[in-house]
Amino acid sequence: MTKIISFINLKGGVGKTTSTVAIAEFLADEHRKNVLVVDLDPQTNATVALISEEEWQRRDDAGQTLKQLFKDKLEKTNVFNVNDAIVRNVSNLHGGIPRLALLPSSLGLIELQDQLALIPGGNFYAISPVDVLAGALRPVLDGFDYVLIDCPPNLGIITLNGIGMSNGYVIPVVPDILSTYGVPQILNRIETFASTKGISVPSKGIIVSKYRVQSVLHNSRLSQMQQAAARNELPPVFPTVIPEAAKIAEAVDFEARVNTLRQKYGYGNNYERYSELTKDFVRLC
């Protein structure tokens, strides 16, 4: 059975996309899993971390990004083809990872999401507006062991398309006040949404990244989250914590050609942390 996991936080800059891409690459390259990254975020950061900007632009112009999928539903057209849109063998790692694929995003999703929010579901769509993505991906899901969905930093219709087809979700955070402030809101909103749809979408845990070991605030906030998780007041906190490091920030640069995951994420501790985080992900998700 394909495991479908969404990555969501209401605040940007928390390592959401970096975590999505890194775990996808480690799953595909080290664990030999077939992985699809679905980039629902209009910022397209996961997209341009896995393919070149030129390739993205060509595909966006040709209707081979998620913009076209939602545009079809608005305009009652049938241009989008999921098999054509999925890009195989993506990543800058040794010319592409054979088991890693991408469904690209588009900057145009910003405008389309605003339009989708104004349209009542039942009278316009053959399916609900929050089920568009699931309907498109259904024919290809059996070809993947994991689908990782990089969600926008909101809980709008496009985000709910990802949540609604997921087996669960993870919340990447920086251990500070602002990036953890919205966690209860995420938990409550998704629980309400899932209940309304009659499905179960459990939180699989919290991923801590950009951790500064010398920061009193980071240490205090991390400890608080771990204690709250032990009391079942929060989802589990993944045991492996990702430190703040320049090499990790640089890892999403597609133009940097690398041959190994150690070279990409940094020899020593950085690489080891992501390798262990991926093992946590396999176990918890």
Protein backbone atom coordinates (compact mmCIF):
# COMPACT_ATOMS: atom_id res chain seq x y z
CA MET A 1 0.00 0.00 0.00
CA THR A 2 1.27 3.45 -0.94
CA LYS A 3 2.03 5.67 2.04
CA ILE A 4 0.93 9.26 1.39
CA ILE A 5 2.28 11.83 3.83
CA SER A 6 1.72 15.60 3.74
CA PHE A 7 4.22 18.11 5.12
CA ILE A 8 2.45 21.16 6.55
CA ASN A 9 3.14 24.25 8.67
CA LEU A 10 1.33 27.58 8.59
CA LYS A 11 4.62 29.48 8.82
CA GLY A 12 7.28 29.65 6.13
CA GLY A 13 11.00 29.21 6.70
CA VAL A 14 10.68 26.18 8.97
CA GLY A 15 12.48 23.68 6.74
CA LYS A 16 9.28 22.16 5.33
CA THR A 17 10.47 21.89 1.75
CA THR A 18 14.03 20.96 2.71
CA SER A 19 12.70 18.13 4.88
CA THR A 20 10.35 16.92 2.14
CA VAL A 21 13.06 16.84 -0.50
CA ALA A 22 15.73 15.35 1.76
CA ILE A 23 13.53 12.53 3.05
CA ALA A 24 12.38 11.81 -0.51
CA GLU A 25 15.98 11.59 -1.74
CA PHE A 26 17.09 9.36 1.13
CA LEU A 27 14.06 7.09 0.71
CA ALA A 28 14.74 6.71 -3.00
CA ASP A 29 18.54 6.51 -2.97
CA GLU A 30 19.35 4.70 0.28
CA HIS A 31 16.13 2.78 0.98
CA ARG A 32 15.48 1.92 -2.69
CA LYS A 33 11.86 3.08 -2.48
CA ASN A 34 9.82 4.48 -5.36
CA VAL A 35 8.95 8.01 -4.26
CA LEU A 36 6.77 10.75 -5.73
CA VAL A 37 7.10 14.33 -4.47
CA VAL A 38 3.93 16.36 -5.07
CA ASP A 39 4.68 20.07 -4.87
CA LEU A 40 1.42 21.78 -3.91
CA ASP A 41 3.16 24.95 -2.77
CA PRO A 42 2.90 27.79 -5.35
CA GLN A 43 6.36 28.97 -4.27
CA THR A 44 7.61 25.94 -6.28
CA ASN A 45 10.64 25.47 -4.00
CA ALA A 46 10.47 21.68 -4.04
CA THR A 47 10.04 21.76 -7.81
CA VAL A 48 13.14 23.83 -8.54
CA ALA A 49 15.11 21.80 -5.98
CA LEU A 50 14.48 18.68 -8.07
CA ILE A 51 14.44 19.97 -11.68
CA SER A 52 15.97 22.98 -13.40
CA GLU A 53 14.08 26.25 -13.70
CA GLU A 54 14.22 25.89 -17.48
CA GLU A 55 12.60 22.45 -17.32
CA TRP A 56 9.95 23.79 -14.94
CA GLN A 57 9.13 26.72 -17.23
CA ARG A 58 8.82 24.44 -20.26
CA ARG A 59 6.44 22.15 -18.40
CA ASP A 60 4.41 25.01 -16.95
CA ASP A 61 3.95 26.47 -20.45
CA ALA A 62 2.90 23.03 -21.75
CA GLY A 63 0.26 22.49 -19.06
CA GLN A 64 2.32 19.83 -17.30
CA THR A 65 2.16 21.27 -13.78
CA LEU A 66 -0.50 21.27 -11.08
CA LYS A 67 -1.72 24.65 -12.26
CA GLN A 68 -3.25 22.95 -15.29
CA LEU A 69 -4.96 20.30 -13.18
CA PHE A 70 -6.91 22.89 -11.19
CA LYS A 71 -7.36 25.15 -14.23
CA ASP A 72 -9.08 22.27 -16.01
CA LYS A 73 -11.59 22.00 -13.16
CA LEU A 74 -12.31 25.73 -13.33
CA GLU A 75 -12.61 25.94 -17.11
CA LYS A 76 -14.08 22.49 -17.76
CA THR A 77 -11.15 21.55 -19.99
CA ASN A 78 -9.15 18.32 -20.12
CA VAL A 79 -5.55 19.33 -20.87
CA PHE A 80 -3.77 17.88 -17.81
CA ASN A 81 -2.38 14.35 -18.13
CA VAL A 82 -0.83 12.98 -14.95
CA ASN A 83 1.57 10.62 -16.74
CA ASP A 84 2.94 13.46 -18.86
CA ALA A 85 3.15 15.80 -15.87
CA ILE A 86 5.15 13.49 -13.59
CA VAL A 87 8.89 14.02 -14.08
CA ARG A 88 10.96 10.88 -13.54
CA ASN A 89 14.56 10.51 -12.35
CA VAL A 90 14.68 13.92 -10.66
CA SER A 91 17.28 15.49 -8.31
CA ASN A 92 20.73 16.93 -8.94
CA LEU A 93 22.23 13.82 -7.34
CA HIS A 94 24.37 11.94 -9.90
CA GLY A 95 22.19 13.19 -12.76
CA GLY A 96 18.89 12.09 -11.23
CA ILE A 97 17.70 9.40 -8.82
CA PRO A 98 16.02 6.56 -10.78
CA ARG A 99 13.31 5.90 -8.18
CA LEU A 100 12.46 9.55 -7.49
CA ALA A 101 9.70 11.43 -9.34
CA LEU A 102 8.10 14.87 -9.10
CA LEU A 103 4.68 16.34 -9.85
CA PRO A 104 5.65 20.01 -10.32
CA SER A 105 3.95 23.07 -8.88
CA SER A 106 3.37 26.46 -10.48
CA LEU A 107 3.34 30.09 -9.38
CA GLY A 108 -0.10 30.27 -11.02
CA LEU A 109 -1.60 28.19 -8.23
CA ILE A 110 -1.83 31.34 -6.09
CA GLU A 111 -4.43 32.93 -8.33
CA LEU A 112 -6.26 29.65 -8.92
CA GLN A 113 -6.56 28.92 -5.20
CA ASP A 114 -8.33 32.25 -4.74
CA GLN A 115 -10.77 31.32 -7.49
CA LEU A 116 -11.41 27.84 -6.13
CA ALA A 117 -12.32 29.27 -2.74
CA LEU A 118 -15.19 31.23 -4.30
CA ILE A 119 -16.83 28.33 -6.10
CA PRO A 120 -19.32 26.03 -4.30
CA GLY A 121 -18.30 22.42 -4.69
CA GLY A 122 -21.35 20.34 -5.36
CA ASN A 123 -22.91 22.42 -8.12
CA PHE A 124 -19.80 22.92 -10.24
CA TYR A 125 -17.52 19.93 -9.96
CA ALA A 126 -18.12 16.30 -10.78
CA ILE A 127 -16.10 15.73 -7.63
CA SER A 128 -15.52 17.89 -4.58
CA PRO A 129 -12.93 20.69 -4.97
CA VAL A 130 -10.84 19.07 -2.22
CA ASP A 131 -10.69 15.73 -4.10
CA VAL A 132 -9.25 16.99 -7.39
CA LEU A 133 -5.68 15.86 -6.66
CA ALA A 134 -6.73 12.44 -5.40
CA GLY A 135 -8.74 11.84 -8.56
CA ALA A 136 -5.80 12.78 -10.78
CA LEU A 137 -3.25 10.64 -8.91
CA ARG A 138 -5.40 7.55 -8.39
CA PRO A 139 -4.28 5.82 -11.65
CA VAL A 140 -0.56 6.10 -10.79
CA LEU A 141 -0.39 5.57 -7.02
CA ASP A 142 0.35 1.85 -7.23
CA GLY A 143 3.68 2.69 -8.85
CA PHE A 144 5.00 4.38 -5.72
CA ASP A 145 5.90 3.23 -2.22
CA TYR A 146 5.70 6.78 -0.86
CA VAL A 147 4.03 9.99 -1.95
CA LEU A 148 5.34 13.07 -0.09
CA ILE A 149 3.18 16.19 -0.47
CA ASP A 150 4.77 19.58 0.14
CA CYS A 151 1.78 21.73 1.18
CA PRO A 152 1.46 25.53 1.10
CA PRO A 153 1.68 27.40 4.43
CA ASN A 154 -2.09 27.65 4.75
CA LEU A 155 -5.14 25.42 5.13
CA GLY A 156 -6.92 26.43 1.93
CA ILE A 157 -8.54 24.26 -0.72
CA ILE A 158 -5.31 23.25 -2.47
CA THR A 159 -3.70 22.26 0.83
CA LEU A 160 -6.79 20.24 1.74
CA ASN A 161 -6.43 18.39 -1.56
CA GLY A 162 -3.16 17.04 -0.20
CA ILE A 163 -4.41 16.40 3.33
CA GLY A 164 -7.58 14.71 2.08
CA MET A 165 -5.70 11.98 0.22
CA SER A 166 -3.01 11.45 2.87
CA ASN A 167 -2.54 8.58 5.30
CA GLY A 168 -1.13 11.15 7.71
CA TYR A 169 0.90 14.33 7.96
CA VAL A 170 4.02 15.67 9.62
CA ILE A 171 4.66 19.19 10.91
CA PRO A 172 8.18 20.57 10.36
CA VAL A 173 9.04 23.29 12.88
CA VAL A 174 11.89 25.43 14.12
CA PRO A 175 11.92 25.17 17.93
CA ASP A 176 10.91 28.76 18.57
CA ILE A 177 7.68 30.49 19.51
CA LEU A 178 6.44 31.67 16.12
CA SER A 179 6.90 28.47 14.10
CA THR A 180 5.30 26.26 16.77
CA TYR A 181 2.50 28.68 17.65
CA GLY A 182 0.18 27.39 14.91
CA VAL A 183 0.60 23.67 15.64
CA PRO A 184 -2.63 23.34 17.68
CA GLN A 185 -4.51 25.17 14.92
CA ILE A 186 -3.19 22.70 12.33
CA LEU A 187 -4.17 19.73 14.49
CA ASN A 188 -7.68 21.07 15.15
CA ARG A 189 -8.37 22.17 11.57
CA ILE A 190 -7.25 18.89 10.04
CA GLU A 191 -9.16 16.86 12.61
CA THR A 192 -12.32 18.83 11.82
CA PHE A 193 -11.78 18.49 8.06
CA ALA A 194 -11.15 14.75 8.31
CA SER A 195 -14.20 14.27 10.51
CA THR A 196 -16.37 16.13 8.01
CA LYS A 197 -15.12 13.87 5.20
CA GLY A 198 -15.45 10.73 7.33
CA ILE A 199 -11.76 9.85 7.01
CA SER A 200 -8.79 9.52 9.33
CA VAL A 201 -5.72 11.69 8.75
CA PRO A 202 -3.56 11.36 11.87
CA SER A 203 -0.54 13.48 12.66
CA LYS A 204 2.54 11.30 12.43
CA GLY A 205 4.80 13.68 14.28
CA ILE A 206 6.77 16.91 14.48
CA ILE A 207 10.10 17.29 12.66
CA VAL A 208 12.48 19.76 14.31
CA SER A 209 14.94 21.49 12.00
CA LYS A 210 17.20 24.56 11.98
CA TYR A 211 17.98 23.69 15.59
CA ARG A 212 20.65 25.83 17.26
CA VAL A 213 22.24 23.83 20.02
CA GLN A 214 23.57 26.93 21.80
CA SER A 215 20.16 28.65 21.83
CA VAL A 216 18.43 28.75 25.21
CA LEU A 217 15.10 29.34 23.45
CA HIS A 218 15.56 26.36 21.09
CA ASN A 219 16.54 24.03 23.92
CA SER A 220 13.67 25.19 26.09
CA ARG A 221 11.08 24.95 23.31
CA LEU A 222 12.30 21.52 22.21
CA SER A 223 12.07 20.24 25.77
CA GLN A 224 8.55 21.67 26.13
CA MET A 225 7.39 19.97 22.93
CA GLN A 226 8.88 16.64 23.96
CA GLN A 227 7.18 16.84 27.35
CA ALA A 228 3.84 17.79 25.76
CA ALA A 229 4.17 14.87 23.36
CA ALA A 230 4.83 12.52 26.29
CA ARG A 231 1.54 13.74 27.79
CA ASN A 232 -0.20 13.16 24.43
CA GLU A 233 -0.86 16.88 24.13
CA LEU A 234 1.17 17.03 20.93
CA PRO A 235 2.09 14.46 18.27
CA PRO A 236 5.39 12.62 18.75
CA VAL A 237 8.52 14.67 18.22
CA PHE A 238 10.83 12.87 15.81
CA PRO A 239 13.90 11.70 17.79
CA THR A 240 16.35 13.03 15.21
CA VAL A 241 16.74 16.81 15.23
CA ILE A 242 18.20 18.62 12.21
CA PRO A 243 20.70 21.37 13.08
CA GLU A 244 20.94 24.75 11.41
CA ALA A 245 23.74 24.54 8.87
CA ALA A 246 24.74 26.39 5.73
CA LYS A 247 25.33 23.14 3.85
CA ILE A 248 21.76 22.02 4.50
CA ALA A 249 20.40 25.34 3.21
CA GLU A 250 22.53 24.94 0.08
CA ALA A 251 21.24 21.41 -0.53
CA VAL A 252 18.17 22.68 -2.40
CA ASP A 253 20.33 24.34 -5.08
CA PHE A 254 19.64 22.22 -8.17
CA GLU A 255 22.53 23.73 -10.10
CA ALA A 256 25.09 22.28 -7.67
CA ARG A 257 26.10 18.94 -9.16
CA VAL A 258 26.76 16.24 -6.57
CA ASN A 259 27.44 12.51 -6.71
CA THR A 260 26.42 11.29 -3.25
CA LEU A 261 24.03 12.23 -0.48
CA ARG A 262 27.03 12.74 1.81
CA GLN A 263 28.43 15.30 -0.60
CA LYS A 264 25.04 17.03 -0.98
CA TYR A 265 24.08 17.34 2.68
CA GLY A 266 27.52 17.63 4.17
CA TYR A 267 29.92 14.98 5.37
CA GLY A 268 29.61 13.86 8.96
CA ASN A 269 26.86 15.03 11.20
CA ASN A 270 24.50 16.64 8.66
CA TYR A 271 24.35 13.60 6.44
CA GLU A 272 24.00 11.28 9.42
CA ARG A 273 21.14 13.35 10.83
CA TYR A 274 19.11 13.17 7.62
CA SER A 275 19.83 9.48 7.27
CA GLU A 276 18.53 8.90 10.80
CA LEU A 277 15.58 11.24 10.26
CA THR A 278 14.54 9.16 7.26
CA LYS A 279 14.68 6.03 9.40
CA ASP A 280 12.46 7.83 11.95
CA PHE A 281 10.09 8.70 9.11
CA VAL A 282 9.86 5.08 7.94
CA ARG A 283 9.18 3.91 11.47
CA LEU A 284 6.66 6.58 12.47
CA CYS A 285 4.85 6.98 9.16
